[in-house]
Amino acid sequence: MSIRHAALAEIAESPGHSYAIYQRLHARIGDWWGVTPGAVTDALRRAERDGLLVTKRDTRGREVFHIADAGRTALREWNSEVTTPDPAYRNEVLLRVLLFGEHPTEDLVFAVEDMLFKLTARRREMSRLRDESAEIDTPAARLRELILGATLAHLDADAEALRGALRTFEDAR
């Protein structure tokens, strides 16, 4: 996902200051895409520099971002783009498993265990977001629930592959 385009979409819906845009994005997607306040601010500044956004001061002196005509055009173009699916799933830890799995080192075992721990945490977050979406009866919430369900299935498959790698490592010792 392009943080830039996600921020443009949020601002097209309703102008806001940088942190408010971050909060709205985070409320919609949680930690799913790794959106941080700094990444949102950087994306907003670049979009402003490129003429996609304009800023105005609110009554408290904060900069409020508003979408410019060029921003609406960029958002419309991005939304209508036909994209190619990403190439085969790529992950550094899984690559190391493939390359060094026959003779696993303690570092590799630790990397796999750490990734499994992080996947479990991410799965909890995605489950929470899906459950929250299930409680809201809007088309956007239903779509979010479907996408999060697919994401959970993907995380489950990754976790099972990592657990299988750990079992294989144990057998190799």
N, C-alpha and C. Protein backbone atom coordinates (compact mmCIF):
# COMPACT_ATOMS: atom_id res chain seq x y z
N MET A 1 0.85 -1.17 0.00
CA MET A 1 0.00 0.00 0.00
C MET A 1 0.88 1.22 0.00
N SER A 2 0.42 2.22 -0.66
CA SER A 2 1.09 3.50 -0.66
C SER A 2 0.52 4.33 0.47
N ILE A 3 1.36 4.66 1.44
CA ILE A 3 0.90 5.51 2.54
C ILE A 3 0.43 6.85 1.96
N ARG A 4 1.12 7.31 0.96
CA ARG A 4 0.76 8.57 0.30
C ARG A 4 -0.69 8.52 -0.19
N HIS A 5 -1.04 7.46 -0.90
CA HIS A 5 -2.39 7.35 -1.44
C HIS A 5 -3.42 7.13 -0.33
N ALA A 6 -3.06 6.36 0.67
CA ALA A 6 -3.98 6.15 1.79
C ALA A 6 -4.26 7.48 2.49
N ALA A 7 -3.22 8.28 2.68
CA ALA A 7 -3.40 9.59 3.31
C ALA A 7 -4.24 10.51 2.42
N LEU A 8 -3.99 10.48 1.12
CA LEU A 8 -4.80 11.29 0.20
C LEU A 8 -6.28 10.89 0.30
N ALA A 9 -6.54 9.59 0.37
CA ALA A 9 -7.93 9.12 0.48
C ALA A 9 -8.57 9.62 1.77
N GLU A 10 -7.83 9.57 2.86
CA GLU A 10 -8.37 10.07 4.14
C GLU A 10 -8.67 11.56 4.07
N ILE A 11 -7.75 12.31 3.47
CA ILE A 11 -7.93 13.76 3.40
C ILE A 11 -9.03 14.13 2.42
N ALA A 12 -9.20 13.34 1.36
CA ALA A 12 -10.30 13.59 0.42
C ALA A 12 -11.64 13.43 1.14
N GLU A 13 -11.67 12.52 2.11
CA GLU A 13 -12.88 12.29 2.89
C GLU A 13 -13.11 13.43 3.88
N SER A 14 -12.01 13.86 4.51
CA SER A 14 -12.11 14.92 5.51
C SER A 14 -10.71 15.47 5.79
N PRO A 15 -10.52 16.79 5.65
CA PRO A 15 -9.20 17.37 5.94
C PRO A 15 -8.80 17.11 7.39
N GLY A 16 -7.50 17.21 7.66
CA GLY A 16 -7.03 17.02 9.03
C GLY A 16 -5.56 17.33 9.15
N HIS A 17 -5.11 17.44 10.40
CA HIS A 17 -3.69 17.64 10.63
C HIS A 17 -3.00 16.28 10.61
N SER A 18 -1.70 16.30 10.55
CA SER A 18 -0.91 15.10 10.32
C SER A 18 -1.25 13.96 11.29
N TYR A 19 -1.24 14.24 12.58
CA TYR A 19 -1.48 13.17 13.55
C TYR A 19 -2.91 12.64 13.46
N ALA A 20 -3.87 13.53 13.16
CA ALA A 20 -5.26 13.08 13.00
C ALA A 20 -5.38 12.14 11.81
N ILE A 21 -4.66 12.44 10.73
CA ILE A 21 -4.67 11.56 9.57
C ILE A 21 -4.08 10.20 9.95
N TYR A 22 -2.95 10.22 10.67
CA TYR A 22 -2.36 8.97 11.15
C TYR A 22 -3.37 8.18 11.98
N GLN A 23 -4.05 8.85 12.92
CA GLN A 23 -5.01 8.15 13.79
C GLN A 23 -6.15 7.53 12.98
N ARG A 24 -6.65 8.25 11.99
CA ARG A 24 -7.73 7.72 11.16
C ARG A 24 -7.25 6.52 10.36
N LEU A 25 -6.04 6.60 9.80
CA LEU A 25 -5.49 5.46 9.07
C LEU A 25 -5.31 4.27 10.00
N HIS A 26 -4.75 4.53 11.17
CA HIS A 26 -4.52 3.44 12.13
C HIS A 26 -5.83 2.82 12.57
N ALA A 27 -6.87 3.63 12.73
CA ALA A 27 -8.18 3.09 13.12
C ALA A 27 -8.73 2.17 12.03
N ARG A 28 -8.43 2.49 10.78
CA ARG A 28 -8.93 1.66 9.68
C ARG A 28 -8.11 0.40 9.47
N ILE A 29 -6.79 0.50 9.57
CA ILE A 29 -5.96 -0.64 9.20
C ILE A 29 -5.05 -1.15 10.30
N GLY A 30 -5.07 -0.50 11.47
CA GLY A 30 -4.24 -0.96 12.58
C GLY A 30 -2.78 -1.00 12.19
N ASP A 31 -2.10 -2.01 12.64
CA ASP A 31 -0.67 -2.15 12.33
C ASP A 31 -0.46 -2.97 11.06
N TRP A 32 -1.52 -3.19 10.32
CA TRP A 32 -1.50 -4.05 9.15
C TRP A 32 -0.39 -3.68 8.18
N TRP A 33 -0.23 -2.40 7.87
CA TRP A 33 0.76 -1.96 6.90
C TRP A 33 1.95 -1.27 7.54
N GLY A 34 2.02 -1.25 8.85
CA GLY A 34 3.16 -0.63 9.50
C GLY A 34 3.17 0.89 9.38
N VAL A 35 1.99 1.49 9.37
CA VAL A 35 1.89 2.95 9.26
C VAL A 35 2.30 3.56 10.60
N THR A 36 3.21 4.53 10.55
CA THR A 36 3.66 5.24 11.74
C THR A 36 3.35 6.73 11.58
N PRO A 37 3.29 7.47 12.68
CA PRO A 37 3.06 8.92 12.56
C PRO A 37 4.11 9.59 11.67
N GLY A 38 5.37 9.19 11.82
CA GLY A 38 6.43 9.79 11.02
C GLY A 38 6.28 9.50 9.53
N ALA A 39 5.90 8.27 9.21
CA ALA A 39 5.72 7.91 7.80
C ALA A 39 4.57 8.69 7.18
N VAL A 40 3.51 8.90 7.96
CA VAL A 40 2.38 9.68 7.46
C VAL A 40 2.80 11.13 7.25
N THR A 41 3.49 11.70 8.23
CA THR A 41 3.95 13.09 8.09
C THR A 41 4.85 13.25 6.87
N ASP A 42 5.78 12.32 6.68
CA ASP A 42 6.66 12.38 5.50
C ASP A 42 5.86 12.31 4.21
N ALA A 43 4.89 11.40 4.15
CA ALA A 43 4.07 11.26 2.95
C ALA A 43 3.26 12.52 2.69
N LEU A 44 2.74 13.12 3.76
CA LEU A 44 1.96 14.35 3.60
C LEU A 44 2.83 15.50 3.10
N ARG A 45 4.03 15.62 3.65
CA ARG A 45 4.94 16.69 3.22
C ARG A 45 5.32 16.54 1.75
N ARG A 46 5.61 15.31 1.35
CA ARG A 46 5.95 15.07 -0.07
C ARG A 46 4.76 15.37 -0.97
N ALA A 47 3.56 14.95 -0.55
CA ALA A 47 2.37 15.21 -1.34
C ALA A 47 2.10 16.72 -1.43
N GLU A 48 2.35 17.42 -0.35
CA GLU A 48 2.19 18.88 -0.38
C GLU A 48 3.20 19.50 -1.34
N ARG A 49 4.44 19.07 -1.23
CA ARG A 49 5.49 19.57 -2.11
C ARG A 49 5.16 19.31 -3.57
N ASP A 50 4.52 18.18 -3.85
CA ASP A 50 4.17 17.80 -5.22
C ASP A 50 2.86 18.42 -5.69
N GLY A 51 2.24 19.25 -4.85
CA GLY A 51 1.03 19.95 -5.25
C GLY A 51 -0.25 19.14 -5.12
N LEU A 52 -0.19 18.02 -4.41
CA LEU A 52 -1.38 17.19 -4.24
C LEU A 52 -2.22 17.61 -3.03
N LEU A 53 -1.58 18.31 -2.12
CA LEU A 53 -2.24 18.81 -0.91
C LEU A 53 -1.92 20.28 -0.72
N VAL A 54 -2.79 20.96 -0.01
CA VAL A 54 -2.52 22.33 0.44
C VAL A 54 -2.78 22.36 1.94
N THR A 55 -2.11 23.26 2.63
CA THR A 55 -2.32 23.38 4.08
C THR A 55 -2.91 24.73 4.40
N LYS A 56 -3.71 24.73 5.45
CA LYS A 56 -4.28 25.95 6.02
C LYS A 56 -4.15 25.81 7.52
N ARG A 57 -3.99 26.91 8.20
CA ARG A 57 -3.89 26.89 9.67
C ARG A 57 -5.29 26.86 10.29
N ASP A 58 -5.45 26.04 11.31
CA ASP A 58 -6.73 26.04 12.02
C ASP A 58 -6.67 27.09 13.14
N THR A 59 -7.70 27.17 13.93
CA THR A 59 -7.78 28.19 14.98
C THR A 59 -6.73 27.98 16.07
N ARG A 60 -6.18 26.78 16.17
CA ARG A 60 -5.13 26.50 17.16
C ARG A 60 -3.74 26.63 16.56
N GLY A 61 -3.67 27.04 15.29
CA GLY A 61 -2.38 27.25 14.65
C GLY A 61 -1.78 26.00 14.01
N ARG A 62 -2.51 24.89 14.04
CA ARG A 62 -2.00 23.66 13.44
C ARG A 62 -2.24 23.67 11.94
N GLU A 63 -1.33 23.03 11.22
CA GLU A 63 -1.52 22.89 9.77
C GLU A 63 -2.54 21.79 9.50
N VAL A 64 -3.56 22.15 8.74
CA VAL A 64 -4.58 21.19 8.35
C VAL A 64 -4.41 20.94 6.86
N PHE A 65 -4.30 19.67 6.51
CA PHE A 65 -4.11 19.28 5.11
C PHE A 65 -5.46 19.16 4.41
N HIS A 66 -5.51 19.74 3.20
CA HIS A 66 -6.69 19.68 2.34
C HIS A 66 -6.22 19.13 1.00
N ILE A 67 -7.08 18.35 0.37
CA ILE A 67 -6.70 17.78 -0.92
C ILE A 67 -6.85 18.84 -2.02
N ALA A 68 -5.88 18.89 -2.90
CA ALA A 68 -5.92 19.80 -4.06
C ALA A 68 -6.52 19.04 -5.23
N ASP A 69 -6.88 19.76 -6.27
CA ASP A 69 -7.42 19.10 -7.47
C ASP A 69 -6.44 18.05 -8.01
N ALA A 70 -5.15 18.39 -8.01
CA ALA A 70 -4.15 17.43 -8.48
C ALA A 70 -4.13 16.18 -7.60
N GLY A 71 -4.41 16.34 -6.31
CA GLY A 71 -4.48 15.20 -5.40
C GLY A 71 -5.66 14.31 -5.70
N ARG A 72 -6.81 14.93 -6.01
CA ARG A 72 -7.99 14.14 -6.39
C ARG A 72 -7.72 13.35 -7.68
N THR A 73 -7.05 14.02 -8.61
CA THR A 73 -6.71 13.35 -9.87
C THR A 73 -5.76 12.17 -9.61
N ALA A 74 -4.73 12.40 -8.79
CA ALA A 74 -3.77 11.33 -8.47
C ALA A 74 -4.46 10.17 -7.77
N LEU A 75 -5.37 10.48 -6.87
CA LEU A 75 -6.09 9.44 -6.14
C LEU A 75 -6.99 8.65 -7.10
N ARG A 76 -7.68 9.33 -7.98
CA ARG A 76 -8.54 8.67 -8.97
C ARG A 76 -7.71 7.76 -9.88
N GLU A 77 -6.55 8.25 -10.32
CA GLU A 77 -5.68 7.44 -11.19
C GLU A 77 -5.17 6.21 -10.44
N TRP A 78 -4.74 6.40 -9.20
CA TRP A 78 -4.24 5.27 -8.41
C TRP A 78 -5.34 4.24 -8.20
N ASN A 79 -6.55 4.72 -7.91
CA ASN A 79 -7.66 3.82 -7.64
C ASN A 79 -8.08 3.04 -8.88
N SER A 80 -7.83 3.59 -10.06
CA SER A 80 -8.25 2.89 -11.28
C SER A 80 -7.12 2.09 -11.92
N GLU A 81 -5.92 2.15 -11.33
CA GLU A 81 -4.78 1.39 -11.87
C GLU A 81 -5.04 -0.10 -11.82
N VAL A 82 -4.67 -0.77 -12.88
CA VAL A 82 -4.69 -2.22 -12.87
C VAL A 82 -3.31 -2.65 -12.39
N THR A 83 -3.26 -3.37 -11.30
CA THR A 83 -1.97 -3.75 -10.73
C THR A 83 -1.72 -5.24 -10.93
N THR A 84 -0.48 -5.57 -10.99
CA THR A 84 -0.06 -6.95 -11.10
C THR A 84 0.20 -7.47 -9.69
N PRO A 85 -0.25 -8.67 -9.39
CA PRO A 85 0.05 -9.19 -8.05
C PRO A 85 1.56 -9.20 -7.80
N ASP A 86 1.91 -9.04 -6.53
CA ASP A 86 3.33 -9.09 -6.16
C ASP A 86 3.91 -10.42 -6.58
N PRO A 87 5.23 -10.43 -6.87
CA PRO A 87 5.85 -11.71 -7.20
C PRO A 87 5.79 -12.66 -6.00
N ALA A 88 6.22 -13.86 -6.21
CA ALA A 88 6.17 -14.87 -5.16
C ALA A 88 6.58 -14.29 -3.81
N TYR A 89 5.96 -14.77 -2.78
CA TYR A 89 6.19 -14.29 -1.43
C TYR A 89 7.68 -14.34 -1.10
N ARG A 90 8.20 -13.23 -0.60
CA ARG A 90 9.62 -13.15 -0.29
C ARG A 90 9.78 -12.72 1.16
N ASN A 91 10.64 -13.43 1.86
CA ASN A 91 10.85 -13.15 3.26
C ASN A 91 12.27 -13.59 3.61
N GLU A 92 13.02 -12.70 4.24
CA GLU A 92 14.43 -12.98 4.57
C GLU A 92 14.59 -14.22 5.45
N VAL A 93 13.75 -14.36 6.48
CA VAL A 93 13.90 -15.50 7.39
C VAL A 93 13.61 -16.80 6.64
N LEU A 94 12.56 -16.80 5.82
CA LEU A 94 12.25 -18.02 5.07
C LEU A 94 13.34 -18.35 4.06
N LEU A 95 13.96 -17.33 3.49
CA LEU A 95 15.08 -17.56 2.58
C LEU A 95 16.24 -18.23 3.33
N ARG A 96 16.52 -17.75 4.54
CA ARG A 96 17.59 -18.37 5.34
C ARG A 96 17.26 -19.81 5.68
N VAL A 97 15.98 -20.08 5.95
CA VAL A 97 15.56 -21.46 6.23
C VAL A 97 15.86 -22.34 5.03
N LEU A 98 15.54 -21.83 3.84
CA LEU A 98 15.79 -22.62 2.63
C LEU A 98 17.28 -22.83 2.38
N LEU A 99 18.09 -21.81 2.66
CA LEU A 99 19.52 -21.90 2.37
C LEU A 99 20.31 -22.67 3.42
N PHE A 100 19.92 -22.49 4.69
CA PHE A 100 20.74 -23.05 5.77
C PHE A 100 19.99 -24.04 6.66
N GLY A 101 18.77 -24.39 6.27
CA GLY A 101 17.94 -25.23 7.11
C GLY A 101 18.44 -26.63 7.36
N GLU A 102 19.27 -27.15 6.44
CA GLU A 102 19.78 -28.51 6.66
C GLU A 102 20.78 -28.56 7.79
N HIS A 103 21.42 -27.44 8.07
CA HIS A 103 22.40 -27.34 9.17
C HIS A 103 22.08 -26.08 9.96
N PRO A 104 20.96 -26.08 10.69
CA PRO A 104 20.52 -24.86 11.35
C PRO A 104 21.46 -24.44 12.49
N THR A 105 21.74 -23.15 12.53
CA THR A 105 22.53 -22.59 13.62
C THR A 105 21.56 -22.08 14.69
N GLU A 106 22.08 -21.78 15.86
CA GLU A 106 21.24 -21.21 16.92
C GLU A 106 20.66 -19.87 16.47
N ASP A 107 21.43 -19.11 15.69
CA ASP A 107 20.94 -17.82 15.19
C ASP A 107 19.73 -18.01 14.28
N LEU A 108 19.77 -19.03 13.43
CA LEU A 108 18.65 -19.28 12.53
C LEU A 108 17.43 -19.73 13.33
N VAL A 109 17.64 -20.61 14.30
CA VAL A 109 16.53 -21.06 15.14
C VAL A 109 15.91 -19.86 15.84
N PHE A 110 16.75 -18.98 16.39
CA PHE A 110 16.25 -17.78 17.06
C PHE A 110 15.47 -16.90 16.09
N ALA A 111 15.97 -16.70 14.88
CA ALA A 111 15.30 -15.86 13.88
C ALA A 111 13.92 -16.42 13.55
N VAL A 112 13.83 -17.74 13.40
CA VAL A 112 12.55 -18.37 13.09
C VAL A 112 11.60 -18.24 14.28
N GLU A 113 12.09 -18.49 15.48
CA GLU A 113 11.24 -18.34 16.67
C GLU A 113 10.76 -16.90 16.83
N ASP A 114 11.66 -15.94 16.57
CA ASP A 114 11.30 -14.53 16.67
C ASP A 114 10.23 -14.17 15.63
N MET A 115 10.40 -14.65 14.41
CA MET A 115 9.41 -14.36 13.38
C MET A 115 8.06 -14.98 13.74
N LEU A 116 8.07 -16.18 14.28
CA LEU A 116 6.84 -16.84 14.70
C LEU A 116 6.15 -16.03 15.81
N PHE A 117 6.93 -15.53 16.75
CA PHE A 117 6.40 -14.68 17.82
C PHE A 117 5.74 -13.43 17.23
N LYS A 118 6.42 -12.79 16.27
CA LYS A 118 5.89 -11.56 15.65
C LYS A 118 4.65 -11.86 14.82
N LEU A 119 4.64 -12.98 14.13
CA LEU A 119 3.45 -13.37 13.37
C LEU A 119 2.26 -13.59 14.30
N THR A 120 2.51 -14.18 15.44
CA THR A 120 1.44 -14.43 16.42
C THR A 120 0.87 -13.10 16.92
N ALA A 121 1.74 -12.15 17.20
CA ALA A 121 1.29 -10.83 17.65
C ALA A 121 0.49 -10.13 16.54
N ARG A 122 0.99 -10.22 15.31
CA ARG A 122 0.29 -9.60 14.19
C ARG A 122 -1.07 -10.27 13.98
N ARG A 123 -1.12 -11.58 14.16
CA ARG A 123 -2.38 -12.30 14.00
C ARG A 123 -3.41 -11.83 15.03
N ARG A 124 -2.97 -11.62 16.27
CA ARG A 124 -3.87 -11.11 17.31
C ARG A 124 -4.45 -9.75 16.89
N GLU A 125 -3.58 -8.87 16.38
CA GLU A 125 -4.02 -7.54 15.95
C GLU A 125 -5.01 -7.65 14.79
N MET A 126 -4.71 -8.49 13.82
CA MET A 126 -5.60 -8.64 12.67
C MET A 126 -6.94 -9.25 13.10
N SER A 127 -6.91 -10.19 14.04
CA SER A 127 -8.15 -10.79 14.56
C SER A 127 -9.00 -9.74 15.26
N ARG A 128 -8.34 -8.90 16.04
CA ARG A 128 -9.06 -7.83 16.74
C ARG A 128 -9.72 -6.90 15.73
N LEU A 129 -8.98 -6.51 14.71
CA LEU A 129 -9.54 -5.62 13.69
C LEU A 129 -10.70 -6.27 12.94
N ARG A 130 -10.53 -7.57 12.63
CA ARG A 130 -11.62 -8.28 11.93
C ARG A 130 -12.85 -8.36 12.82
N ASP A 131 -12.66 -8.66 14.11
CA ASP A 131 -13.79 -8.75 15.03
C ASP A 131 -14.49 -7.40 15.18
N GLU A 132 -13.71 -6.33 15.24
CA GLU A 132 -14.31 -4.99 15.30
C GLU A 132 -15.10 -4.70 14.04
N SER A 133 -14.58 -5.09 12.89
CA SER A 133 -15.28 -4.85 11.63
C SER A 133 -16.57 -5.64 11.57
N ALA A 134 -16.58 -6.85 12.16
CA ALA A 134 -17.78 -7.69 12.13
C ALA A 134 -18.93 -7.06 12.92
N GLU A 135 -18.60 -6.17 13.85
CA GLU A 135 -19.63 -5.52 14.67
C GLU A 135 -20.26 -4.31 13.98
N ILE A 136 -19.70 -3.90 12.85
CA ILE A 136 -20.18 -2.71 12.14
C ILE A 136 -20.84 -3.17 10.85
N ASP A 137 -22.04 -2.69 10.61
CA ASP A 137 -22.77 -3.12 9.42
C ASP A 137 -22.73 -2.04 8.34
N THR A 138 -21.56 -1.91 7.72
CA THR A 138 -21.42 -1.02 6.57
C THR A 138 -20.68 -1.79 5.48
N PRO A 139 -20.82 -1.37 4.24
CA PRO A 139 -20.07 -2.05 3.17
C PRO A 139 -18.56 -2.01 3.41
N ALA A 140 -18.05 -0.87 3.87
CA ALA A 140 -16.60 -0.77 4.11
C ALA A 140 -16.16 -1.75 5.19
N ALA A 141 -16.95 -1.88 6.24
CA ALA A 141 -16.59 -2.80 7.33
C ALA A 141 -16.66 -4.25 6.85
N ARG A 142 -17.64 -4.58 6.03
CA ARG A 142 -17.74 -5.95 5.50
C ARG A 142 -16.54 -6.26 4.60
N LEU A 143 -16.15 -5.30 3.78
CA LEU A 143 -14.97 -5.50 2.93
C LEU A 143 -13.71 -5.67 3.78
N ARG A 144 -13.57 -4.83 4.80
CA ARG A 144 -12.41 -4.92 5.69
C ARG A 144 -12.38 -6.28 6.37
N GLU A 145 -13.55 -6.77 6.79
CA GLU A 145 -13.64 -8.08 7.43
C GLU A 145 -13.18 -9.19 6.48
N LEU A 146 -13.59 -9.12 5.21
CA LEU A 146 -13.18 -10.12 4.22
C LEU A 146 -11.66 -10.08 3.99
N ILE A 147 -11.12 -8.88 3.83
CA ILE A 147 -9.68 -8.75 3.58
C ILE A 147 -8.88 -9.22 4.78
N LEU A 148 -9.34 -8.86 5.96
CA LEU A 148 -8.63 -9.30 7.16
C LEU A 148 -8.72 -10.81 7.34
N GLY A 149 -9.83 -11.41 6.94
CA GLY A 149 -9.95 -12.87 6.99
C GLY A 149 -8.92 -13.54 6.09
N ALA A 150 -8.74 -12.98 4.89
CA ALA A 150 -7.72 -13.53 3.98
C ALA A 150 -6.33 -13.32 4.54
N THR A 151 -6.10 -12.18 5.16
CA THR A 151 -4.80 -11.91 5.77
C THR A 151 -4.52 -12.91 6.90
N LEU A 152 -5.53 -13.21 7.69
CA LEU A 152 -5.36 -14.19 8.78
C LEU A 152 -5.01 -15.56 8.22
N ALA A 153 -5.65 -15.96 7.14
CA ALA A 153 -5.33 -17.25 6.53
C ALA A 153 -3.88 -17.28 6.07
N HIS A 154 -3.42 -16.18 5.51
CA HIS A 154 -2.03 -16.09 5.06
C HIS A 154 -1.07 -16.17 6.26
N LEU A 155 -1.39 -15.44 7.32
CA LEU A 155 -0.54 -15.48 8.52
C LEU A 155 -0.52 -16.89 9.11
N ASP A 156 -1.66 -17.55 9.12
CA ASP A 156 -1.72 -18.92 9.64
C ASP A 156 -0.82 -19.86 8.82
N ALA A 157 -0.85 -19.70 7.50
CA ALA A 157 0.00 -20.54 6.64
C ALA A 157 1.47 -20.26 6.90
N ASP A 158 1.84 -18.99 7.05
CA ASP A 158 3.23 -18.64 7.36
C ASP A 158 3.66 -19.24 8.69
N ALA A 159 2.79 -19.12 9.69
CA ALA A 159 3.11 -19.65 11.02
C ALA A 159 3.29 -21.16 10.97
N GLU A 160 2.44 -21.83 10.22
CA GLU A 160 2.56 -23.30 10.11
C GLU A 160 3.87 -23.67 9.43
N ALA A 161 4.28 -22.92 8.41
CA ALA A 161 5.57 -23.18 7.75
C ALA A 161 6.72 -23.00 8.72
N LEU A 162 6.65 -21.97 9.55
CA LEU A 162 7.72 -21.73 10.53
C LEU A 162 7.75 -22.82 11.60
N ARG A 163 6.56 -23.24 12.07
CA ARG A 163 6.52 -24.33 13.05
C ARG A 163 7.09 -25.61 12.43
N GLY A 164 6.77 -25.85 11.15
CA GLY A 164 7.33 -27.01 10.46
C GLY A 164 8.84 -26.92 10.35
N ALA A 165 9.37 -25.72 10.08
CA ALA A 165 10.82 -25.54 10.02
C ALA A 165 11.45 -25.84 11.37
N LEU A 166 10.83 -25.37 12.45
CA LEU A 166 11.38 -25.64 13.78
C LEU A 166 11.37 -27.14 14.09
N ARG A 167 10.31 -27.85 13.69
CA ARG A 167 10.28 -29.31 13.89
C ARG A 167 11.39 -29.98 13.10
N THR A 168 11.61 -29.51 11.87
CA THR A 168 12.66 -30.08 11.03
C THR A 168 14.02 -29.82 11.64
N PHE A 169 14.22 -28.63 12.20
CA PHE A 169 15.49 -28.30 12.86
C PHE A 169 15.74 -29.27 14.03
N GLU A 170 14.67 -29.53 14.81
CA GLU A 170 14.78 -30.44 15.95
C GLU A 170 15.19 -31.83 15.47
N ASP A 171 14.59 -32.29 14.40
CA ASP A 171 14.89 -33.61 13.87
C ASP A 171 16.33 -33.69 13.36
N ALA A 172 16.85 -32.57 12.85
CA ALA A 172 18.20 -32.54 12.30
C ALA A 172 19.28 -32.57 13.39
N ARG A 173 18.90 -32.25 14.60
CA ARG A 173 19.89 -32.20 15.70
C ARG A 173 20.16 -33.54 16.28
